[in-house]
């Protein structure tokens, strides 16, 4: 079934470390109704799990695991976690080096490589660099690409290549961006912006039980996504 997964976030007062799944297809089919939606909280049996945080990134790998990286919990985080959905177990993945980031953008490709771009580092300086994480070797690689430049609060997706849109630029994040960029492995970034492109930055996610912003969010379509 198709499901949306979120982790953590901020409600204006507190940071959270909980994980939720929104499964529209299964809920509608079970009730015999079209458009009936349901949230379910994922109860992990792990003794160790990601701390409460916001401004992190989350994504599904092709093997069916949910990953989160970085974020902000009073300081910028550099930790990397994987949730095995079938067992509801969190595992901390500890590569030799890991970039500390928050407000960044990320996406998995079809080979199981996780790509991240930009955000702010541990000193809260905006970055424009590109990294890829190999889930097989648990290794981060920093690429030399400088385009599309420093930005944060932007969004990313993978569709034959890495696509990046919007965000904000320093100083002060006062400049909202409308640019659209694409990147293919071992190639360069290409600007695809035109004058009609919408300006955007990261969106918030709302549940029926709590309002959150800055969650780590990812969707998955699989028959094995069970809590």
N, C-alpha and C. Protein backbone atom coordinates (compact mmCIF):
# COMPACT_ATOMS: atom_id res chain seq x y z
N UNK A 1 0.85 -1.19 0.00
CA UNK A 1 0.00 0.00 0.00
C UNK A 1 0.88 1.24 0.00
N UNK A 2 0.31 2.37 -0.37
CA UNK A 2 1.05 3.63 -0.37
C UNK A 2 0.95 4.28 1.00
N UNK A 3 2.06 4.79 1.49
CA UNK A 3 2.08 5.37 2.83
C UNK A 3 3.02 6.57 2.88
N UNK A 4 2.66 7.52 3.73
CA UNK A 4 3.50 8.67 4.04
C UNK A 4 4.05 8.48 5.45
N UNK A 5 5.35 8.64 5.61
CA UNK A 5 6.00 8.47 6.90
C UNK A 5 6.60 9.80 7.34
N UNK A 6 6.43 10.14 8.62
CA UNK A 6 7.07 11.33 9.17
C UNK A 6 7.76 10.98 10.48
N UNK A 7 8.81 11.75 10.80
CA UNK A 7 9.53 11.58 12.06
C UNK A 7 9.78 12.95 12.67
N UNK A 8 9.53 13.04 13.98
CA UNK A 8 9.92 14.22 14.74
C UNK A 8 9.22 15.48 14.30
N UNK A 9 9.94 16.61 14.44
CA UNK A 9 9.41 17.91 14.08
C UNK A 9 9.19 18.80 15.30
N UNK A 10 8.56 19.91 15.07
CA UNK A 10 8.41 20.97 16.06
C UNK A 10 6.99 21.52 15.98
N UNK A 11 6.33 21.69 17.14
CA UNK A 11 4.95 22.17 17.15
C UNK A 11 4.82 23.61 17.64
N UNK A 12 5.96 24.32 17.70
CA UNK A 12 5.97 25.69 18.20
C UNK A 12 6.38 25.78 19.65
N UNK A 13 6.36 24.64 20.36
CA UNK A 13 6.77 24.59 21.76
C UNK A 13 7.82 23.50 21.97
N UNK A 14 7.52 22.30 21.52
CA UNK A 14 8.38 21.15 21.79
C UNK A 14 8.91 20.51 20.51
N UNK A 15 10.08 19.86 20.66
CA UNK A 15 10.61 18.98 19.62
C UNK A 15 10.11 17.57 19.87
N UNK A 16 9.96 16.78 18.81
CA UNK A 16 9.43 15.42 18.92
C UNK A 16 10.39 14.41 18.31
N UNK A 17 10.27 13.14 18.78
CA UNK A 17 11.06 12.05 18.23
C UNK A 17 10.20 10.87 17.80
N UNK A 18 8.90 11.09 17.69
CA UNK A 18 8.00 10.00 17.33
C UNK A 18 7.96 9.80 15.82
N UNK A 19 7.47 8.63 15.42
CA UNK A 19 7.35 8.26 14.01
C UNK A 19 5.90 7.88 13.72
N UNK A 20 5.37 8.42 12.61
CA UNK A 20 3.99 8.17 12.24
C UNK A 20 3.91 7.73 10.79
N UNK A 21 2.85 6.95 10.49
CA UNK A 21 2.58 6.51 9.12
C UNK A 21 1.14 6.87 8.75
N UNK A 22 0.99 7.41 7.55
CA UNK A 22 -0.34 7.74 7.03
C UNK A 22 -0.59 6.84 5.82
N UNK A 23 -1.56 5.95 5.94
CA UNK A 23 -1.83 4.95 4.92
C UNK A 23 -3.24 5.17 4.39
N UNK A 24 -3.35 5.83 3.25
CA UNK A 24 -4.67 6.17 2.72
C UNK A 24 -5.33 4.99 2.03
N UNK A 25 -4.59 4.22 1.24
CA UNK A 25 -5.19 3.13 0.46
C UNK A 25 -5.70 2.03 1.35
N UNK A 26 -4.88 1.59 2.31
CA UNK A 26 -5.30 0.49 3.18
C UNK A 26 -6.51 0.87 4.02
N UNK A 27 -6.52 2.10 4.53
CA UNK A 27 -7.63 2.53 5.37
C UNK A 27 -8.93 2.59 4.57
N UNK A 28 -8.85 3.13 3.35
CA UNK A 28 -10.04 3.23 2.53
C UNK A 28 -10.58 1.88 2.11
N UNK A 29 -9.69 0.95 1.74
CA UNK A 29 -10.11 -0.37 1.31
C UNK A 29 -10.73 -1.16 2.46
N UNK A 30 -10.11 -1.04 3.65
CA UNK A 30 -10.60 -1.80 4.79
C UNK A 30 -12.01 -1.36 5.19
N UNK A 31 -12.28 -0.06 5.06
CA UNK A 31 -13.59 0.45 5.46
C UNK A 31 -14.60 0.38 4.33
N UNK A 32 -14.14 0.05 3.14
CA UNK A 32 -15.03 0.02 1.99
C UNK A 32 -15.44 1.40 1.54
N UNK A 33 -14.63 2.41 1.92
CA UNK A 33 -14.94 3.79 1.59
C UNK A 33 -13.80 4.40 0.79
N UNK A 34 -14.14 5.31 -0.09
CA UNK A 34 -13.12 6.02 -0.84
C UNK A 34 -12.73 7.28 -0.09
N UNK A 35 -11.44 7.50 0.08
CA UNK A 35 -10.98 8.75 0.67
C UNK A 35 -10.91 8.74 2.19
N UNK A 36 -11.10 7.60 2.85
CA UNK A 36 -10.96 7.54 4.30
C UNK A 36 -9.47 7.35 4.62
N UNK A 37 -8.93 8.21 5.48
CA UNK A 37 -7.50 8.21 5.75
C UNK A 37 -7.23 7.91 7.22
N UNK A 38 -6.04 7.38 7.49
CA UNK A 38 -5.73 6.99 8.86
C UNK A 38 -4.26 7.21 9.17
N UNK A 39 -3.99 7.80 10.34
CA UNK A 39 -2.63 7.91 10.88
C UNK A 39 -2.43 6.80 11.91
N UNK A 40 -1.23 6.22 11.93
CA UNK A 40 -0.88 5.26 12.98
C UNK A 40 0.52 5.57 13.48
N UNK A 41 0.66 5.55 14.80
CA UNK A 41 1.97 5.81 15.41
C UNK A 41 2.77 4.52 15.43
N UNK A 42 4.04 4.61 15.04
CA UNK A 42 4.93 3.45 15.00
C UNK A 42 5.62 3.32 16.36
N UNK A 43 5.36 2.23 17.03
CA UNK A 43 5.95 1.98 18.35
C UNK A 43 7.22 1.16 18.17
N UNK A 44 8.37 1.82 18.34
CA UNK A 44 9.65 1.13 18.17
C UNK A 44 10.03 0.39 19.44
N UNK A 45 10.63 -0.78 19.28
CA UNK A 45 11.11 -1.56 20.42
C UNK A 45 12.59 -1.31 20.65
N UNK A 46 13.17 -0.36 19.94
CA UNK A 46 14.60 -0.07 20.07
C UNK A 46 14.90 0.59 21.41
N UNK A 47 16.04 0.23 21.99
CA UNK A 47 16.50 0.92 23.19
C UNK A 47 17.19 2.23 22.83
N UNK A 48 17.72 2.30 21.61
CA UNK A 48 18.33 3.53 21.10
C UNK A 48 17.55 3.97 19.88
N UNK A 49 17.31 5.27 19.78
CA UNK A 49 16.56 5.80 18.65
C UNK A 49 16.95 7.26 18.46
N UNK A 50 16.59 7.86 17.35
CA UNK A 50 16.95 9.26 17.13
C UNK A 50 16.36 10.18 18.19
N UNK A 51 17.13 11.19 18.57
CA UNK A 51 16.65 12.16 19.54
C UNK A 51 15.57 13.04 18.93
N UNK A 52 14.82 13.72 19.77
CA UNK A 52 13.85 14.70 19.29
C UNK A 52 14.57 15.77 18.49
N UNK A 53 13.98 16.13 17.35
CA UNK A 53 14.66 17.08 16.46
C UNK A 53 13.69 17.62 15.42
N UNK A 54 14.15 18.65 14.71
CA UNK A 54 13.42 19.23 13.59
C UNK A 54 14.43 19.60 12.51
N UNK A 55 13.93 20.00 11.36
CA UNK A 55 14.76 20.43 10.23
C UNK A 55 15.72 19.35 9.74
N UNK A 56 15.32 18.07 9.89
CA UNK A 56 16.11 16.97 9.37
C UNK A 56 15.49 16.48 8.07
N UNK A 57 16.10 15.45 7.47
CA UNK A 57 15.58 14.89 6.23
C UNK A 57 15.29 13.41 6.44
N UNK A 58 14.30 12.90 5.70
CA UNK A 58 13.95 11.49 5.75
C UNK A 58 13.67 10.98 4.36
N UNK A 59 13.98 9.70 4.12
CA UNK A 59 13.74 9.11 2.81
C UNK A 59 13.72 7.59 2.91
N UNK A 60 13.05 6.97 1.93
CA UNK A 60 13.03 5.52 1.80
C UNK A 60 14.09 5.06 0.82
N UNK A 61 14.82 3.99 1.19
CA UNK A 61 15.75 3.40 0.22
C UNK A 61 15.01 2.33 -0.59
N UNK A 62 15.59 1.89 -1.71
CA UNK A 62 14.90 0.90 -2.56
C UNK A 62 14.65 -0.44 -1.88
N UNK A 63 15.39 -0.73 -0.79
CA UNK A 63 15.22 -1.99 -0.08
C UNK A 63 14.07 -1.94 0.92
N UNK A 64 13.49 -0.75 1.16
CA UNK A 64 12.33 -0.65 2.04
C UNK A 64 12.64 -0.26 3.46
N UNK A 65 13.74 0.49 3.68
CA UNK A 65 14.06 1.01 5.01
C UNK A 65 13.91 2.53 5.00
N UNK A 66 13.52 3.09 6.15
CA UNK A 66 13.32 4.53 6.30
C UNK A 66 14.55 5.12 6.99
N UNK A 67 15.16 6.13 6.38
CA UNK A 67 16.37 6.76 6.88
C UNK A 67 16.10 8.20 7.28
N UNK A 68 16.79 8.67 8.33
CA UNK A 68 16.78 10.09 8.65
C UNK A 68 18.22 10.54 8.88
N UNK A 69 18.46 11.82 8.62
CA UNK A 69 19.81 12.38 8.80
C UNK A 69 19.71 13.81 9.30
N UNK A 70 20.65 14.14 10.23
CA UNK A 70 20.85 15.52 10.63
C UNK A 70 19.68 16.13 11.37
N UNK A 71 19.53 17.44 11.19
CA UNK A 71 18.47 18.18 11.86
C UNK A 71 19.02 19.07 12.97
N UNK A 72 18.10 19.60 13.75
CA UNK A 72 18.44 20.54 14.81
C UNK A 72 17.73 20.15 16.09
N UNK A 73 18.49 20.02 17.20
CA UNK A 73 17.91 19.70 18.51
C UNK A 73 18.52 20.57 19.61
N UNK A 74 18.83 21.81 19.26
CA UNK A 74 19.60 22.70 20.13
C UNK A 74 20.95 22.98 19.52
N UNK A 75 21.40 22.05 18.72
CA UNK A 75 22.58 22.21 17.86
C UNK A 75 22.34 21.39 16.60
N UNK A 76 23.14 21.64 15.58
CA UNK A 76 22.98 20.92 14.32
C UNK A 76 23.53 19.50 14.49
N UNK A 77 22.75 18.50 14.06
CA UNK A 77 23.11 17.08 14.23
C UNK A 77 23.82 16.55 12.98
N UNK A 78 24.64 15.52 13.18
CA UNK A 78 25.27 14.84 12.04
C UNK A 78 25.00 13.34 12.04
N UNK A 79 24.09 12.88 12.90
CA UNK A 79 23.86 11.45 13.01
C UNK A 79 22.92 10.95 11.91
N UNK A 80 23.03 9.64 11.66
CA UNK A 80 22.32 8.97 10.57
C UNK A 80 21.67 7.72 11.14
N UNK A 81 20.35 7.55 10.88
CA UNK A 81 19.59 6.45 11.45
C UNK A 81 18.78 5.74 10.36
N UNK A 82 18.57 4.43 10.59
CA UNK A 82 17.76 3.62 9.68
C UNK A 82 16.71 2.86 10.47
N UNK A 83 15.46 2.93 10.03
CA UNK A 83 14.37 2.18 10.66
C UNK A 83 14.03 0.98 9.79
N UNK A 84 14.19 -0.22 10.37
CA UNK A 84 13.76 -1.45 9.70
C UNK A 84 12.26 -1.61 9.98
N UNK A 85 11.47 -1.42 8.94
CA UNK A 85 10.04 -1.30 9.15
C UNK A 85 9.42 -2.61 9.63
N UNK A 86 9.88 -3.75 9.12
CA UNK A 86 9.30 -5.02 9.51
C UNK A 86 9.44 -5.34 10.99
N UNK A 87 10.53 -4.83 11.61
CA UNK A 87 10.80 -5.11 13.03
C UNK A 87 10.59 -3.89 13.91
N UNK A 88 10.37 -2.72 13.30
CA UNK A 88 10.24 -1.44 14.03
C UNK A 88 11.48 -1.15 14.87
N UNK A 89 12.64 -1.53 14.35
CA UNK A 89 13.90 -1.30 15.05
C UNK A 89 14.68 -0.17 14.39
N UNK A 90 15.13 0.80 15.21
CA UNK A 90 16.04 1.83 14.75
C UNK A 90 17.49 1.36 14.90
N UNK A 91 18.31 1.64 13.91
CA UNK A 91 19.74 1.35 13.98
C UNK A 91 20.50 2.63 13.65
N UNK A 92 21.46 2.99 14.51
CA UNK A 92 22.31 4.14 14.17
C UNK A 92 23.43 3.66 13.25
N UNK A 93 23.57 4.32 12.13
CA UNK A 93 24.63 4.01 11.17
C UNK A 93 25.74 5.02 11.40
N UNK A 94 26.94 4.53 11.64
CA UNK A 94 28.04 5.40 12.05
C UNK A 94 29.19 5.35 11.06
N UNK A 95 29.09 6.09 9.94
CA UNK A 95 30.21 6.17 9.02
C UNK A 95 31.39 6.91 9.66
N UNK A 96 32.57 6.78 9.06
CA UNK A 96 33.77 7.41 9.62
C UNK A 96 33.62 8.93 9.71
N UNK A 97 33.02 9.52 8.70
CA UNK A 97 32.72 10.94 8.72
C UNK A 97 31.28 11.14 8.28
N UNK A 98 30.67 12.19 8.80
CA UNK A 98 29.27 12.46 8.44
C UNK A 98 29.04 13.96 8.52
N UNK A 99 28.51 14.57 7.47
CA UNK A 99 28.30 16.02 7.50
C UNK A 99 27.18 16.40 8.46
N UNK A 100 27.44 17.38 9.32
CA UNK A 100 26.38 17.92 10.16
C UNK A 100 25.54 18.88 9.35
N UNK A 101 24.24 18.65 9.29
CA UNK A 101 23.37 19.49 8.48
C UNK A 101 21.98 19.61 9.09
N UNK A 102 21.37 20.74 8.82
CA UNK A 102 19.95 20.97 9.08
C UNK A 102 19.43 21.84 7.95
N UNK A 103 18.12 21.83 7.78
CA UNK A 103 17.47 22.62 6.71
C UNK A 103 17.95 22.20 5.32
N UNK A 104 18.45 20.99 5.15
CA UNK A 104 18.98 20.54 3.88
C UNK A 104 17.91 19.80 3.08
N UNK A 105 18.28 19.35 1.88
CA UNK A 105 17.37 18.61 1.01
C UNK A 105 18.02 17.28 0.64
N UNK A 106 17.20 16.23 0.47
CA UNK A 106 17.75 14.90 0.23
C UNK A 106 16.82 14.05 -0.59
N UNK A 107 17.40 13.06 -1.28
CA UNK A 107 16.61 12.10 -2.06
C UNK A 107 17.44 10.85 -2.31
N UNK A 108 16.78 9.67 -2.34
CA UNK A 108 17.41 8.42 -2.72
C UNK A 108 17.30 8.21 -4.22
N UNK A 109 18.35 7.63 -4.84
CA UNK A 109 18.22 7.20 -6.23
C UNK A 109 17.86 5.71 -6.26
N UNK A 110 17.71 5.16 -7.45
CA UNK A 110 17.25 3.78 -7.60
C UNK A 110 18.29 2.75 -7.20
N UNK A 111 19.55 3.14 -7.06
CA UNK A 111 20.62 2.20 -6.69
C UNK A 111 20.83 2.11 -5.20
N UNK A 112 20.12 2.92 -4.41
CA UNK A 112 20.32 2.91 -2.97
C UNK A 112 21.33 3.93 -2.49
N UNK A 113 21.65 4.91 -3.31
CA UNK A 113 22.53 6.00 -2.91
C UNK A 113 21.68 7.17 -2.45
N UNK A 114 22.03 7.73 -1.29
CA UNK A 114 21.29 8.87 -0.75
C UNK A 114 22.07 10.14 -1.05
N UNK A 115 21.39 11.11 -1.62
CA UNK A 115 21.99 12.38 -2.00
C UNK A 115 21.47 13.49 -1.10
N UNK A 116 22.37 14.35 -0.61
CA UNK A 116 21.94 15.52 0.15
C UNK A 116 22.61 16.76 -0.43
N UNK A 117 21.90 17.87 -0.34
CA UNK A 117 22.43 19.13 -0.85
C UNK A 117 22.14 20.26 0.13
N UNK A 118 23.15 21.13 0.29
CA UNK A 118 22.97 22.40 0.98
C UNK A 118 22.62 22.28 2.44
N UNK A 119 21.80 23.23 2.91
CA UNK A 119 21.45 23.30 4.32
C UNK A 119 22.42 24.19 5.09
N UNK A 120 22.39 24.07 6.41
CA UNK A 120 23.34 24.80 7.25
C UNK A 120 24.18 23.80 8.02
N UNK A 121 25.46 24.16 8.27
CA UNK A 121 26.38 23.28 8.98
C UNK A 121 26.34 23.55 10.48
N UNK A 122 27.28 22.95 11.22
CA UNK A 122 27.29 23.07 12.68
C UNK A 122 27.48 24.50 13.16
N UNK A 123 28.06 25.35 12.33
CA UNK A 123 28.25 26.76 12.66
C UNK A 123 27.11 27.63 12.14
N UNK A 124 26.06 26.98 11.64
CA UNK A 124 24.89 27.64 11.07
C UNK A 124 25.25 28.50 9.86
N UNK A 125 26.25 28.07 9.12
CA UNK A 125 26.59 28.71 7.86
C UNK A 125 25.92 27.96 6.72
N UNK A 126 25.27 28.70 5.83
CA UNK A 126 24.61 28.07 4.70
C UNK A 126 25.64 27.43 3.77
N UNK A 127 25.28 26.27 3.22
CA UNK A 127 26.18 25.52 2.36
C UNK A 127 25.51 25.27 1.00
N UNK A 128 26.35 25.02 0.00
CA UNK A 128 25.85 24.70 -1.33
C UNK A 128 26.48 23.44 -1.88
N UNK A 129 27.02 22.61 -1.00
CA UNK A 129 27.74 21.42 -1.46
C UNK A 129 26.80 20.23 -1.66
N UNK A 130 27.32 19.23 -2.34
CA UNK A 130 26.56 18.03 -2.68
C UNK A 130 27.28 16.81 -2.12
N UNK A 131 26.53 15.95 -1.42
CA UNK A 131 27.08 14.72 -0.84
C UNK A 131 26.25 13.53 -1.31
N UNK A 132 26.89 12.36 -1.35
CA UNK A 132 26.15 11.12 -1.58
C UNK A 132 26.60 10.09 -0.55
N UNK A 133 25.64 9.28 -0.11
CA UNK A 133 25.91 8.26 0.90
C UNK A 133 25.63 6.90 0.30
N UNK A 134 26.63 6.03 0.34
CA UNK A 134 26.51 4.67 -0.16
C UNK A 134 26.01 3.78 0.98
N UNK A 135 24.79 3.27 0.86
CA UNK A 135 24.21 2.48 1.94
C UNK A 135 24.86 1.11 2.08
N UNK A 136 25.57 0.64 1.04
CA UNK A 136 26.25 -0.65 1.12
C UNK A 136 27.55 -0.55 1.91
N UNK A 137 28.34 0.49 1.64
CA UNK A 137 29.63 0.65 2.32
C UNK A 137 29.56 1.57 3.52
N UNK A 138 28.39 2.20 3.74
CA UNK A 138 28.20 3.18 4.83
C UNK A 138 29.26 4.28 4.76
N UNK A 139 29.40 4.87 3.59
CA UNK A 139 30.42 5.89 3.37
C UNK A 139 29.80 7.12 2.72
N UNK A 140 30.18 8.30 3.24
CA UNK A 140 29.79 9.56 2.63
C UNK A 140 30.88 10.00 1.65
N UNK A 141 30.46 10.55 0.54
CA UNK A 141 31.38 11.11 -0.45
C UNK A 141 30.92 12.54 -0.74
N UNK A 142 31.87 13.48 -0.63
CA UNK A 142 31.56 14.86 -0.99
C UNK A 142 31.94 15.12 -2.43
N UNK A 143 31.00 15.65 -3.21
CA UNK A 143 31.26 15.96 -4.60
C UNK A 143 31.71 17.41 -4.73
N UNK A 144 32.33 17.72 -5.85
CA UNK A 144 32.95 19.04 -6.01
C UNK A 144 32.01 20.06 -6.61
N UNK A 145 30.75 19.67 -6.88
CA UNK A 145 29.83 20.60 -7.53
C UNK A 145 29.56 21.82 -6.64
N UNK A 146 29.59 23.00 -7.24
CA UNK A 146 29.30 24.23 -6.51
C UNK A 146 27.90 24.78 -6.83
N UNK A 147 27.40 24.53 -8.05
CA UNK A 147 26.03 24.93 -8.39
C UNK A 147 25.06 23.95 -7.72
N UNK A 148 23.87 24.36 -7.33
CA UNK A 148 23.25 25.66 -7.56
C UNK A 148 23.52 26.71 -6.49
N UNK A 149 24.53 26.52 -5.67
CA UNK A 149 24.91 27.54 -4.70
C UNK A 149 24.30 27.33 -3.32
N UNK A 150 24.72 28.19 -2.39
CA UNK A 150 24.28 28.08 -1.01
C UNK A 150 22.77 28.30 -0.91
N UNK A 151 22.12 27.39 -0.19
CA UNK A 151 20.69 27.54 0.06
C UNK A 151 20.26 26.56 1.15
N UNK A 152 19.11 26.84 1.73
CA UNK A 152 18.52 25.97 2.73
C UNK A 152 17.01 26.10 2.65
N UNK A 153 16.30 25.20 3.35
CA UNK A 153 14.84 25.15 3.29
C UNK A 153 14.34 24.85 1.88
N UNK A 154 15.13 24.15 1.09
CA UNK A 154 14.71 23.79 -0.26
C UNK A 154 14.21 22.34 -0.27
N UNK A 155 13.80 21.87 -1.44
CA UNK A 155 13.27 20.51 -1.57
C UNK A 155 14.02 19.77 -2.67
N UNK A 156 14.03 18.43 -2.57
CA UNK A 156 14.73 17.61 -3.56
C UNK A 156 13.93 16.35 -3.84
N UNK A 157 14.11 15.81 -5.04
CA UNK A 157 13.49 14.55 -5.43
C UNK A 157 14.37 13.90 -6.48
N UNK A 158 14.17 12.58 -6.68
CA UNK A 158 14.94 11.85 -7.68
C UNK A 158 14.01 11.36 -8.77
N UNK A 159 14.32 11.69 -10.01
CA UNK A 159 13.56 11.20 -11.16
C UNK A 159 14.53 11.11 -12.34
N UNK A 160 15.34 10.04 -12.37
CA UNK A 160 16.37 9.91 -13.36
C UNK A 160 17.58 10.76 -13.08
N UNK A 161 17.51 11.58 -12.09
CA UNK A 161 18.55 12.49 -11.64
C UNK A 161 18.03 13.23 -10.42
N UNK A 162 18.90 14.00 -9.78
CA UNK A 162 18.52 14.76 -8.60
C UNK A 162 17.93 16.10 -9.04
N UNK A 163 16.73 16.40 -8.54
CA UNK A 163 16.06 17.66 -8.83
C UNK A 163 15.99 18.49 -7.55
N UNK A 164 16.33 19.77 -7.64
CA UNK A 164 16.33 20.69 -6.50
C UNK A 164 15.53 21.92 -6.87
N UNK A 165 14.67 22.34 -5.93
CA UNK A 165 13.85 23.52 -6.20
C UNK A 165 13.75 24.41 -4.97
N UNK A 166 13.76 25.72 -5.22
CA UNK A 166 13.41 26.71 -4.21
C UNK A 166 14.41 26.84 -3.08
N UNK A 167 13.88 27.22 -1.92
CA UNK A 167 14.69 27.42 -0.74
C UNK A 167 14.94 28.89 -0.46
N UNK A 168 15.90 29.12 0.42
CA UNK A 168 16.29 30.47 0.81
C UNK A 168 17.80 30.60 0.75
N UNK A 169 18.27 31.84 0.56
CA UNK A 169 19.70 32.11 0.50
C UNK A 169 20.09 33.10 1.59
N UNK A 170 21.33 32.99 2.10
CA UNK A 170 21.81 34.00 3.04
C UNK A 170 22.10 35.30 2.28
N UNK A 171 22.29 36.43 2.99
CA UNK A 171 22.25 36.53 4.44
C UNK A 171 20.81 36.66 4.98
N UNK A 172 20.59 36.05 6.11
CA UNK A 172 19.32 36.20 6.80
C UNK A 172 18.16 35.43 6.21
N UNK A 173 18.41 34.69 5.13
CA UNK A 173 17.34 33.93 4.51
C UNK A 173 16.23 34.80 3.96
N UNK A 174 16.57 36.05 3.64
CA UNK A 174 15.53 36.97 3.18
C UNK A 174 15.20 36.79 1.71
N UNK A 175 16.01 36.01 1.00
CA UNK A 175 15.79 35.85 -0.43
C UNK A 175 15.19 34.47 -0.72
N UNK A 176 13.90 34.43 -1.04
CA UNK A 176 13.25 33.19 -1.43
C UNK A 176 13.58 32.90 -2.89
N UNK A 177 13.93 31.66 -3.17
CA UNK A 177 14.40 31.29 -4.49
C UNK A 177 13.31 30.60 -5.29
N UNK A 178 13.35 30.77 -6.60
CA UNK A 178 12.40 30.10 -7.48
C UNK A 178 13.11 29.20 -8.48
N UNK A 179 14.40 29.01 -8.31
CA UNK A 179 15.18 28.27 -9.31
C UNK A 179 14.95 26.76 -9.21
N UNK A 180 15.06 26.10 -10.35
CA UNK A 180 14.91 24.66 -10.48
C UNK A 180 16.17 24.11 -11.14
N UNK A 181 16.77 23.08 -10.52
CA UNK A 181 18.03 22.52 -11.00
C UNK A 181 17.91 21.01 -11.12
N UNK A 182 18.64 20.43 -12.05
CA UNK A 182 18.72 18.98 -12.17
C UNK A 182 20.19 18.56 -12.19
N UNK A 183 20.45 17.35 -11.68
CA UNK A 183 21.81 16.82 -11.64
C UNK A 183 21.75 15.33 -11.95
N UNK A 184 22.55 14.90 -12.90
CA UNK A 184 22.70 13.49 -13.21
C UNK A 184 24.04 13.00 -12.70
N UNK A 185 24.10 11.76 -12.24
CA UNK A 185 25.32 11.21 -11.66
C UNK A 185 26.50 11.43 -12.60
N UNK A 186 27.63 11.86 -12.01
CA UNK A 186 28.87 12.10 -12.75
C UNK A 186 28.71 13.16 -13.83
N UNK A 187 27.77 14.06 -13.64
CA UNK A 187 27.56 15.15 -14.58
C UNK A 187 27.53 16.46 -13.79
N UNK A 188 27.04 17.51 -14.41
CA UNK A 188 26.96 18.80 -13.76
C UNK A 188 25.52 19.19 -13.53
N UNK A 189 25.31 20.17 -12.65
CA UNK A 189 23.98 20.72 -12.46
C UNK A 189 23.55 21.52 -13.69
N UNK A 190 22.28 21.44 -14.00
CA UNK A 190 21.70 22.20 -15.10
C UNK A 190 20.54 23.03 -14.56
N UNK A 191 20.53 24.32 -14.87
CA UNK A 191 19.44 25.20 -14.45
C UNK A 191 18.29 25.08 -15.42
N UNK A 192 17.08 24.89 -14.87
CA UNK A 192 15.87 24.76 -15.69
C UNK A 192 14.84 25.81 -15.33
N UNK A 193 15.30 26.91 -14.79
CA UNK A 193 14.39 27.94 -14.29
C UNK A 193 13.84 28.79 -15.42
N UNK A 194 12.54 29.09 -15.33
CA UNK A 194 11.97 30.12 -16.21
C UNK A 194 11.24 31.14 -15.35
N UNK A 195 10.74 32.18 -15.96
CA UNK A 195 10.18 33.29 -15.20
C UNK A 195 8.86 32.95 -14.53
N UNK A 196 8.23 31.84 -14.91
CA UNK A 196 6.94 31.47 -14.32
C UNK A 196 7.07 30.49 -13.17
N UNK A 197 8.32 30.09 -12.83
CA UNK A 197 8.53 29.11 -11.77
C UNK A 197 8.07 29.65 -10.43
N UNK A 198 7.40 28.81 -9.66
CA UNK A 198 6.91 29.21 -8.34
C UNK A 198 8.05 29.30 -7.35
N UNK A 199 7.94 30.24 -6.42
CA UNK A 199 8.87 30.33 -5.30
C UNK A 199 8.38 29.42 -4.19
N UNK A 200 9.30 28.63 -3.60
CA UNK A 200 8.88 27.74 -2.53
C UNK A 200 10.01 27.47 -1.58
N UNK A 201 9.66 27.10 -0.37
CA UNK A 201 10.60 26.53 0.59
C UNK A 201 9.89 25.36 1.22
N UNK A 202 10.51 24.71 2.20
CA UNK A 202 9.95 23.48 2.73
C UNK A 202 8.59 23.72 3.36
N UNK A 203 7.72 22.73 3.23
CA UNK A 203 6.36 22.84 3.74
C UNK A 203 6.24 22.19 5.11
N UNK A 204 5.14 22.44 5.78
CA UNK A 204 4.87 21.80 7.05
C UNK A 204 3.90 20.65 6.84
N UNK A 205 3.86 19.74 7.81
CA UNK A 205 2.96 18.59 7.74
C UNK A 205 2.01 18.64 8.93
N UNK A 206 0.72 18.44 8.70
CA UNK A 206 -0.28 18.53 9.76
C UNK A 206 -0.99 17.19 9.91
N UNK A 207 -1.13 16.72 11.15
CA UNK A 207 -1.90 15.52 11.42
C UNK A 207 -3.19 15.91 12.11
N UNK A 208 -4.08 14.95 12.28
CA UNK A 208 -5.33 15.23 12.96
C UNK A 208 -5.14 15.33 14.47
N UNK A 209 -3.98 14.93 14.98
CA UNK A 209 -3.76 14.95 16.42
C UNK A 209 -2.76 16.00 16.85
N UNK A 210 -1.94 16.50 15.94
CA UNK A 210 -0.94 17.50 16.30
C UNK A 210 -0.50 18.24 15.06
N UNK A 211 -0.13 19.49 15.25
CA UNK A 211 0.42 20.28 14.16
C UNK A 211 1.93 20.29 14.28
N UNK A 212 2.61 19.96 13.21
CA UNK A 212 4.07 19.89 13.22
C UNK A 212 4.62 20.68 12.04
N UNK A 213 5.80 21.24 12.22
CA UNK A 213 6.57 21.73 11.11
C UNK A 213 7.93 21.06 11.17
N UNK A 214 8.66 21.10 10.08
CA UNK A 214 10.05 20.65 10.03
C UNK A 214 10.21 19.18 10.36
N UNK A 215 9.24 18.35 9.98
CA UNK A 215 9.39 16.92 10.14
C UNK A 215 10.27 16.35 9.04
N UNK A 216 10.80 15.14 9.27
CA UNK A 216 11.41 14.38 8.19
C UNK A 216 10.31 13.55 7.56
N UNK A 217 10.12 13.70 6.26
CA UNK A 217 8.95 13.16 5.59
C UNK A 217 9.36 12.35 4.38
N UNK A 218 8.70 11.19 4.17
CA UNK A 218 8.95 10.41 2.97
C UNK A 218 7.73 9.56 2.67
N UNK A 219 7.53 9.25 1.39
CA UNK A 219 6.46 8.36 0.99
C UNK A 219 7.05 7.06 0.47
N UNK A 220 6.25 5.99 0.53
CA UNK A 220 6.68 4.70 0.02
C UNK A 220 5.46 3.98 -0.53
N UNK A 221 5.65 3.23 -1.60
CA UNK A 221 4.62 2.35 -2.12
C UNK A 221 5.17 0.94 -2.11
N UNK A 222 4.68 0.11 -1.19
CA UNK A 222 5.22 -1.23 -1.01
C UNK A 222 4.21 -2.11 -0.30
N UNK A 223 4.31 -3.39 -0.51
CA UNK A 223 3.41 -4.32 0.18
C UNK A 223 3.96 -4.77 1.52
N UNK A 224 5.19 -4.32 1.87
CA UNK A 224 5.83 -4.75 3.11
C UNK A 224 5.94 -3.65 4.14
N UNK A 225 5.32 -2.50 3.90
CA UNK A 225 5.42 -1.37 4.82
C UNK A 225 4.43 -1.57 5.94
N UNK A 226 4.82 -2.34 6.94
CA UNK A 226 3.97 -2.59 8.09
C UNK A 226 4.69 -2.20 9.36
N UNK A 227 3.94 -1.81 10.38
CA UNK A 227 4.57 -1.40 11.63
C UNK A 227 4.69 -2.59 12.57
